[in-house]
């Protein structure tokens, strides 16, 4: 069962990476992000999307580790 779950996870990851790659190739115009008084440099949409997706994956994998309870059962 674990092999099947790993296979499904790999398929989902491959699908999203492919979708991001296709979207990036089709949308190569430069964009910049404005938030309050901060403005980013101009970069292609695909690069921005890859940065956002990568940071989301990293944060999504680290947050459960931070939220684990610190109690130990003896």
PDB file of N, CA and C in Angstrom:
ATOM      1  N   UNK A   1       0.823  -1.200   0.000  1.00  0.00           N
ATOM      2  CA  UNK A   1       0.000   0.000   0.000  1.00  0.00           C
ATOM      3  C   UNK A   1       0.861   1.256   0.000  1.00  0.00           C
ATOM      4  N   UNK A   2       2.013   1.184   0.697  1.00  0.00           N
ATOM      5  CA  UNK A   2       2.879   2.354   0.754  1.00  0.00           C
ATOM      6  C   UNK A   2       3.477   2.656  -0.620  1.00  0.00           C
ATOM      7  N   UNK A   3       3.754   1.617  -1.397  1.00  0.00           N
ATOM      8  CA  UNK A   3       4.301   1.815  -2.742  1.00  0.00           C
ATOM      9  C   UNK A   3       3.273   2.539  -3.613  1.00  0.00           C
ATOM     10  N   UNK A   4       2.011   2.155  -3.491  1.00  0.00           N
ATOM     11  CA  UNK A   4       0.956   2.802  -4.264  1.00  0.00           C
ATOM     12  C   UNK A   4       0.803   4.265  -3.862  1.00  0.00           C
ATOM     13  N   UNK A   5       0.870   4.556  -2.575  1.00  0.00           N
ATOM     14  CA  UNK A   5       0.762   5.938  -2.099  1.00  0.00           C
ATOM     15  C   UNK A   5       1.935   6.777  -2.608  1.00  0.00           C
ATOM     16  N   UNK A   6       3.129   6.211  -2.595  1.00  0.00           N
ATOM     17  CA  UNK A   6       4.296   6.927  -3.126  1.00  0.00           C
ATOM     18  C   UNK A   6       4.152   7.173  -4.622  1.00  0.00           C
ATOM     19  N   UNK A   7       3.604   6.192  -5.339  1.00  0.00           N
ATOM     20  CA  UNK A   7       3.395   6.338  -6.776  1.00  0.00           C
ATOM     21  C   UNK A   7       2.403   7.467  -7.069  1.00  0.00           C
ATOM     22  N   UNK A   8       1.303   7.510  -6.323  1.00  0.00           N
ATOM     23  CA  UNK A   8       0.301   8.568  -6.512  1.00  0.00           C
ATOM     24  C   UNK A   8       0.900   9.934  -6.180  1.00  0.00           C
ATOM     25  N   UNK A   9       1.675  10.011  -5.114  1.00  0.00           N
ATOM     26  CA  UNK A   9       2.321  11.278  -4.751  1.00  0.00           C
ATOM     27  C   UNK A   9       3.282  11.732  -5.844  1.00  0.00           C
ATOM     28  N   UNK A  10       4.023  10.794  -6.400  1.00  0.00           N
ATOM     29  CA  UNK A  10       4.954  11.133  -7.486  1.00  0.00           C
ATOM     30  C   UNK A  10       4.209  11.600  -8.724  1.00  0.00           C
ATOM     31  N   UNK A  11       3.089  10.958  -9.033  1.00  0.00           N
ATOM     32  CA  UNK A  11       2.294  11.390 -10.176  1.00  0.00           C
ATOM     33  C   UNK A  11       1.741  12.796  -9.981  1.00  0.00           C
ATOM     34  N   UNK A  12       1.269  13.089  -8.785  1.00  0.00           N
ATOM     35  CA  UNK A  12       0.738  14.427  -8.503  1.00  0.00           C
ATOM     36  C   UNK A  12       1.834  15.477  -8.620  1.00  0.00           C
ATOM     37  N   UNK A  13       3.006  15.191  -8.082  1.00  0.00           N
ATOM     38  CA  UNK A  13       4.120  16.125  -8.165  1.00  0.00           C
ATOM     39  C   UNK A  13       4.545  16.329  -9.617  1.00  0.00           C
ATOM     40  N   UNK A  14       4.616  15.258 -10.392  1.00  0.00           N
ATOM     41  CA  UNK A  14       4.988  15.364 -11.800  1.00  0.00           C
ATOM     42  C   UNK A  14       3.963  16.187 -12.572  1.00  0.00           C
ATOM     43  N   UNK A  15       2.678  15.999 -12.262  1.00  0.00           N
ATOM     44  CA  UNK A  15       1.635  16.780 -12.924  1.00  0.00           C
ATOM     45  C   UNK A  15       1.809  18.266 -12.642  1.00  0.00           C
ATOM     46  N   UNK A  16       2.015  18.646 -11.390  1.00  0.00           N
ATOM     47  CA  UNK A  16       2.135  20.060 -11.046  1.00  0.00           C
ATOM     48  C   UNK A  16       3.403  20.683 -11.617  1.00  0.00           C
ATOM     49  N   UNK A  17       4.502  19.941 -11.611  1.00  0.00           N
ATOM     50  CA  UNK A  17       5.740  20.470 -12.196  1.00  0.00           C
ATOM     51  C   UNK A  17       5.551  20.683 -13.695  1.00  0.00           C
ATOM     52  N   UNK A  18       4.887  19.738 -14.368  1.00  0.00           N
ATOM     53  CA  UNK A  18       4.619  19.885 -15.801  1.00  0.00           C
ATOM     54  C   UNK A  18       3.690  21.065 -16.071  1.00  0.00           C
ATOM     55  N   UNK A  19       2.670  21.221 -15.249  1.00  0.00           N
ATOM     56  CA  UNK A  19       1.738  22.333 -15.437  1.00  0.00           C
ATOM     57  C   UNK A  19       2.444  23.672 -15.251  1.00  0.00           C
ATOM     58  N   UNK A  20       3.313  23.770 -14.254  1.00  0.00           N
ATOM     59  CA  UNK A  20       4.058  25.012 -14.031  1.00  0.00           C
ATOM     60  C   UNK A  20       4.993  25.288 -15.207  1.00  0.00           C
ATOM     61  N   UNK A  21       5.638  24.239 -15.727  1.00  0.00           N
ATOM     62  CA  UNK A  21       6.550  24.420 -16.864  1.00  0.00           C
ATOM     63  C   UNK A  21       5.797  24.899 -18.100  1.00  0.00           C
ATOM     64  N   UNK A  22       4.664  24.289 -18.394  1.00  0.00           N
ATOM     65  CA  UNK A  22       3.883  24.696 -19.574  1.00  0.00           C
ATOM     66  C   UNK A  22       3.362  26.118 -19.400  1.00  0.00           C
ATOM     67  N   UNK A  23       2.854  26.442 -18.223  1.00  0.00           N
ATOM     68  CA  UNK A  23       2.357  27.790 -17.952  1.00  0.00           C
ATOM     69  C   UNK A  23       3.484  28.812 -18.090  1.00  0.00           C
ATOM     70  N   UNK A  24       4.688  28.470 -17.610  1.00  0.00           N
ATOM     71  CA  UNK A  24       5.822  29.392 -17.675  1.00  0.00           C
ATOM     72  C   UNK A  24       6.228  29.676 -19.113  1.00  0.00           C
ATOM     73  N   UNK A  25       6.228  28.634 -19.930  1.00  0.00           N
ATOM     74  CA  UNK A  25       6.635  28.813 -21.326  1.00  0.00           C
ATOM     75  C   UNK A  25       5.623  29.668 -22.078  1.00  0.00           C
ATOM     76  N   UNK A  26       4.354  29.508 -21.769  1.00  0.00           N
ATOM     77  CA  UNK A  26       3.319  30.251 -22.489  1.00  0.00           C
ATOM     78  C   UNK A  26       3.168  31.695 -22.002  1.00  0.00           C
ATOM     79  N   UNK A  27       3.636  32.002 -20.809  1.00  0.00           N
ATOM     80  CA  UNK A  27       3.500  33.353 -20.240  1.00  0.00           C
ATOM     81  C   UNK A  27       4.878  33.874 -19.854  1.00  0.00           C
ATOM     82  N   UNK A  28       5.577  34.479 -20.816  1.00  0.00           N
ATOM     83  CA  UNK A  28       6.950  34.912 -20.553  1.00  0.00           C
ATOM     84  C   UNK A  28       7.062  36.417 -20.287  1.00  0.00           C
ATOM     85  N   UNK A  29       5.932  37.110 -20.179  1.00  0.00           N
ATOM     86  CA  UNK A  29       6.008  38.546 -19.928  1.00  0.00           C
ATOM     87  C   UNK A  29       6.519  38.816 -18.510  1.00  0.00           C
ATOM     88  N   UNK A  30       7.105  39.984 -18.333  1.00  0.00           N
ATOM     89  CA  UNK A  30       7.672  40.360 -17.044  1.00  0.00           C
ATOM     90  C   UNK A  30       6.590  40.940 -16.143  1.00  0.00           C
ATOM     91  N   UNK A  31       6.644  40.580 -14.869  1.00  0.00           N
ATOM     92  CA  UNK A  31       5.723  41.114 -13.874  1.00  0.00           C
ATOM     93  C   UNK A  31       6.521  41.500 -12.632  1.00  0.00           C
ATOM     94  N   UNK A  32       5.933  42.350 -11.818  1.00  0.00           N
ATOM     95  CA  UNK A  32       6.516  42.674 -10.520  1.00  0.00           C
ATOM     96  C   UNK A  32       5.394  42.684  -9.491  1.00  0.00           C
ATOM     97  N   UNK A  33       5.745  42.407  -8.267  1.00  0.00           N
ATOM     98  CA  UNK A  33       4.756  42.341  -7.190  1.00  0.00           C
ATOM     99  C   UNK A  33       4.850  43.616  -6.368  1.00  0.00           C
ATOM    100  N   UNK A  34       3.699  44.216  -6.093  1.00  0.00           N
ATOM    101  CA  UNK A  34       3.640  45.390  -5.218  1.00  0.00           C
ATOM    102  C   UNK A  34       2.869  44.999  -3.963  1.00  0.00           C
ATOM    103  N   UNK A  35       3.469  45.247  -2.798  1.00  0.00           N
ATOM    104  CA  UNK A  35       2.816  44.979  -1.525  1.00  0.00           C
ATOM    105  C   UNK A  35       3.130  46.141  -0.592  1.00  0.00           C
ATOM    106  N   UNK A  36       2.094  46.908  -0.236  1.00  0.00           N
ATOM    107  CA  UNK A  36       2.230  48.126   0.568  1.00  0.00           C
ATOM    108  C   UNK A  36       3.248  49.041  -0.098  1.00  0.00           C
ATOM    109  N   UNK A  37       4.421  49.250   0.499  1.00  0.00           N
ATOM    110  CA  UNK A  37       5.411  50.132  -0.098  1.00  0.00           C
ATOM    111  C   UNK A  37       6.536  49.352  -0.772  1.00  0.00           C
ATOM    112  N   UNK A  38       6.515  48.029  -0.664  1.00  0.00           N
ATOM    113  CA  UNK A  38       7.559  47.195  -1.240  1.00  0.00           C
ATOM    114  C   UNK A  38       7.195  46.786  -2.657  1.00  0.00           C
ATOM    115  N   UNK A  39       8.172  46.829  -3.564  1.00  0.00           N
ATOM    116  CA  UNK A  39       7.959  46.380  -4.934  1.00  0.00           C
ATOM    117  C   UNK A  39       9.137  45.515  -5.358  1.00  0.00           C
ATOM    118  N   UNK A  40       8.837  44.358  -5.934  1.00  0.00           N
ATOM    119  CA  UNK A  40       9.893  43.440  -6.354  1.00  0.00           C
ATOM    120  C   UNK A  40      10.462  43.844  -7.707  1.00  0.00           C
ATOM    121  N   UNK A  41      11.551  43.214  -8.068  1.00  0.00           N
ATOM    122  CA  UNK A  41      12.105  43.424  -9.402  1.00  0.00           C
ATOM    123  C   UNK A  41      11.198  42.749 -10.421  1.00  0.00           C
ATOM    124  N   UNK A  42      11.340  43.114 -11.677  1.00  0.00           N
ATOM    125  CA  UNK A  42      10.534  42.479 -12.710  1.00  0.00           C
ATOM    126  C   UNK A  42      11.162  41.137 -13.085  1.00  0.00           C
ATOM    127  N   UNK A  43      10.310  40.124 -13.151  1.00  0.00           N
ATOM    128  CA  UNK A  43      10.757  38.782 -13.506  1.00  0.00           C
ATOM    129  C   UNK A  43       9.649  38.082 -14.272  1.00  0.00           C
ATOM    130  N   UNK A  44       9.984  37.048 -15.037  1.00  0.00           N
ATOM    131  CA  UNK A  44       8.951  36.315 -15.772  1.00  0.00           C
ATOM    132  C   UNK A  44       7.950  35.644 -14.825  1.00  0.00           C
ATOM    133  N   UNK A  45       6.733  35.472 -15.312  1.00  0.00           N
ATOM    134  CA  UNK A  45       5.672  34.867 -14.511  1.00  0.00           C
ATOM    135  C   UNK A  45       6.075  33.470 -14.039  1.00  0.00           C
ATOM    136  N   UNK A  46       6.723  32.707 -14.901  1.00  0.00           N
ATOM    137  CA  UNK A  46       7.112  31.342 -14.553  1.00  0.00           C
ATOM    138  C   UNK A  46       8.100  31.295 -13.404  1.00  0.00           C
ATOM    139  N   UNK A  47       9.053  32.217 -13.380  1.00  0.00           N
ATOM    140  CA  UNK A  47      10.024  32.266 -12.285  1.00  0.00           C
ATOM    141  C   UNK A  47       9.312  32.610 -10.982  1.00  0.00           C
ATOM    142  N   UNK A  48       8.423  33.578 -11.036  1.00  0.00           N
ATOM    143  CA  UNK A  48       7.662  33.965  -9.855  1.00  0.00           C
ATOM    144  C   UNK A  48       6.802  32.811  -9.355  1.00  0.00           C
ATOM    145  N   UNK A  49       6.160  32.115 -10.280  1.00  0.00           N
ATOM    146  CA  UNK A  49       5.335  30.962  -9.911  1.00  0.00           C
ATOM    147  C   UNK A  49       6.180  29.846  -9.309  1.00  0.00           C
ATOM    148  N   UNK A  50       7.358  29.591  -9.860  1.00  0.00           N
ATOM    149  CA  UNK A  50       8.239  28.558  -9.323  1.00  0.00           C
ATOM    150  C   UNK A  50       8.718  28.922  -7.915  1.00  0.00           C
ATOM    151  N   UNK A  51       9.017  30.189  -7.687  1.00  0.00           N
ATOM    152  CA  UNK A  51       9.428  30.632  -6.350  1.00  0.00           C
ATOM    153  C   UNK A  51       8.292  30.450  -5.353  1.00  0.00           C
ATOM    154  N   UNK A  52       7.084  30.842  -5.741  1.00  0.00           N
ATOM    155  CA  UNK A  52       5.931  30.696  -4.853  1.00  0.00           C
ATOM    156  C   UNK A  52       5.612  29.235  -4.581  1.00  0.00           C
ATOM    157  N   UNK A  53       5.653  28.404  -5.610  1.00  0.00           N
ATOM    158  CA  UNK A  53       5.365  26.975  -5.426  1.00  0.00           C
ATOM    159  C   UNK A  53       6.432  26.314  -4.558  1.00  0.00           C
ATOM    160  N   UNK A  54       7.689  26.642  -4.801  1.00  0.00           N
ATOM    161  CA  UNK A  54       8.772  26.063  -4.004  1.00  0.00           C
ATOM    162  C   UNK A  54       8.708  26.468  -2.544  1.00  0.00           C
ATOM    163  N   UNK A  55       8.440  27.750  -2.290  1.00  0.00           N
ATOM    164  CA  UNK A  55       8.339  28.195  -0.900  1.00  0.00           C
ATOM    165  C   UNK A  55       7.105  27.592  -0.230  1.00  0.00           C
ATOM    166  N   UNK A  56       6.026  27.406  -0.977  1.00  0.00           N
ATOM    167  CA  UNK A  56       4.843  26.767  -0.412  1.00  0.00           C
ATOM    168  C   UNK A  56       5.085  25.317  -0.055  1.00  0.00           C
ATOM    169  N   UNK A  57       5.813  24.599  -0.898  1.00  0.00           N
ATOM    170  CA  UNK A  57       6.139  23.203  -0.604  1.00  0.00           C
ATOM    171  C   UNK A  57       7.040  23.110   0.619  1.00  0.00           C
ATOM    172  N   UNK A  58       8.022  23.981   0.697  1.00  0.00           N
ATOM    173  CA  UNK A  58       8.937  23.959   1.843  1.00  0.00           C
ATOM    174  C   UNK A  58       8.207  24.300   3.133  1.00  0.00           C
ATOM    175  N   UNK A  59       7.406  25.369   3.123  1.00  0.00           N
ATOM    176  CA  UNK A  59       6.652  25.740   4.324  1.00  0.00           C
ATOM    177  C   UNK A  59       5.626  24.673   4.696  1.00  0.00           C
ATOM    178  N   UNK A  60       4.989  24.087   3.690  1.00  0.00           N
ATOM    179  CA  UNK A  60       4.006  23.044   3.952  1.00  0.00           C
ATOM    180  C   UNK A  60       4.617  21.803   4.570  1.00  0.00           C
ATOM    181  N   UNK A  61       5.879  21.538   4.283  1.00  0.00           N
ATOM    182  CA  UNK A  61       6.523  20.377   4.879  1.00  0.00           C
ATOM    183  C   UNK A  61       7.130  20.691   6.244  1.00  0.00           C
ATOM    184  N   UNK A  62       7.455  21.952   6.504  1.00  0.00           N
ATOM    185  CA  UNK A  62       8.071  22.308   7.784  1.00  0.00           C
ATOM    186  C   UNK A  62       7.056  22.641   8.883  1.00  0.00           C
ATOM    187  N   UNK A  63       5.921  23.202   8.519  1.00  0.00           N
ATOM    188  CA  UNK A  63       4.951  23.606   9.537  1.00  0.00           C
ATOM    189  C   UNK A  63       4.425  22.446  10.389  1.00  0.00           C
ATOM    190  N   UNK A  64       4.123  21.282   9.832  1.00  0.00           N
ATOM    191  CA  UNK A  64       3.690  20.187  10.702  1.00  0.00           C
ATOM    192  C   UNK A  64       4.762  19.777  11.711  1.00  0.00           C
ATOM    193  N   UNK A  65       6.026  19.913  11.345  1.00  0.00           N
ATOM    194  CA  UNK A  65       7.092  19.597  12.295  1.00  0.00           C
ATOM    195  C   UNK A  65       7.110  20.582  13.463  1.00  0.00           C
ATOM    196  N   UNK A  66       6.790  21.836  13.180  1.00  0.00           N
ATOM    197  CA  UNK A  66       6.779  22.851  14.235  1.00  0.00           C
ATOM    198  C   UNK A  66       5.551  22.738  15.128  1.00  0.00           C
ATOM    199  N   UNK A  67       4.442  22.204  14.594  1.00  0.00           N
ATOM    200  CA  UNK A  67       3.199  22.128  15.345  1.00  0.00           C
ATOM    201  C   UNK A  67       3.018  20.815  16.103  1.00  0.00           C
ATOM    202  N   UNK A  68       4.000  19.915  16.043  1.00  0.00           N
ATOM    203  CA  UNK A  68       3.878  18.676  16.788  1.00  0.00           C
ATOM    204  C   UNK A  68       3.907  18.965  18.286  1.00  0.00           C
ATOM    205  N   UNK A  69       3.153  18.174  19.019  1.00  0.00           N
ATOM    206  CA  UNK A  69       3.136  18.398  20.470  1.00  0.00           C
ATOM    207  C   UNK A  69       4.471  17.942  21.071  1.00  0.00           C
ATOM    208  N   UNK A  70       4.869  18.609  22.091  1.00  0.00           N
ATOM    209  CA  UNK A  70       6.156  18.335  22.728  1.00  0.00           C
ATOM    210  C   UNK A  70       6.060  17.310  23.846  1.00  0.00           C
ATOM    211  N   UNK A  71       4.909  16.693  24.034  1.00  0.00           N
ATOM    212  CA  UNK A  71       4.739  15.716  25.109  1.00  0.00           C
ATOM    213  C   UNK A  71       5.267  14.357  24.679  1.00  0.00           C
ATOM    214  N   UNK A  72       5.856  13.669  25.625  1.00  0.00           N
ATOM    215  CA  UNK A  72       6.318  12.307  25.377  1.00  0.00           C
ATOM    216  C   UNK A  72       5.589  11.383  26.328  1.00  0.00           C
ATOM    217  N   UNK A  73       5.208  10.245  25.839  1.00  0.00           N
ATOM    218  CA  UNK A  73       4.512   9.258  26.647  1.00  0.00           C
ATOM    219  C   UNK A  73       5.460   8.140  27.024  1.00  0.00           C
ATOM    220  N   UNK A  74       5.549   7.871  28.326  1.00  0.00           N
ATOM    221  CA  UNK A  74       6.411   6.795  28.808  1.00  0.00           C
ATOM    222  C   UNK A  74       5.592   5.624  29.243  1.00  0.00           C
TER     223      UNK A  74
END
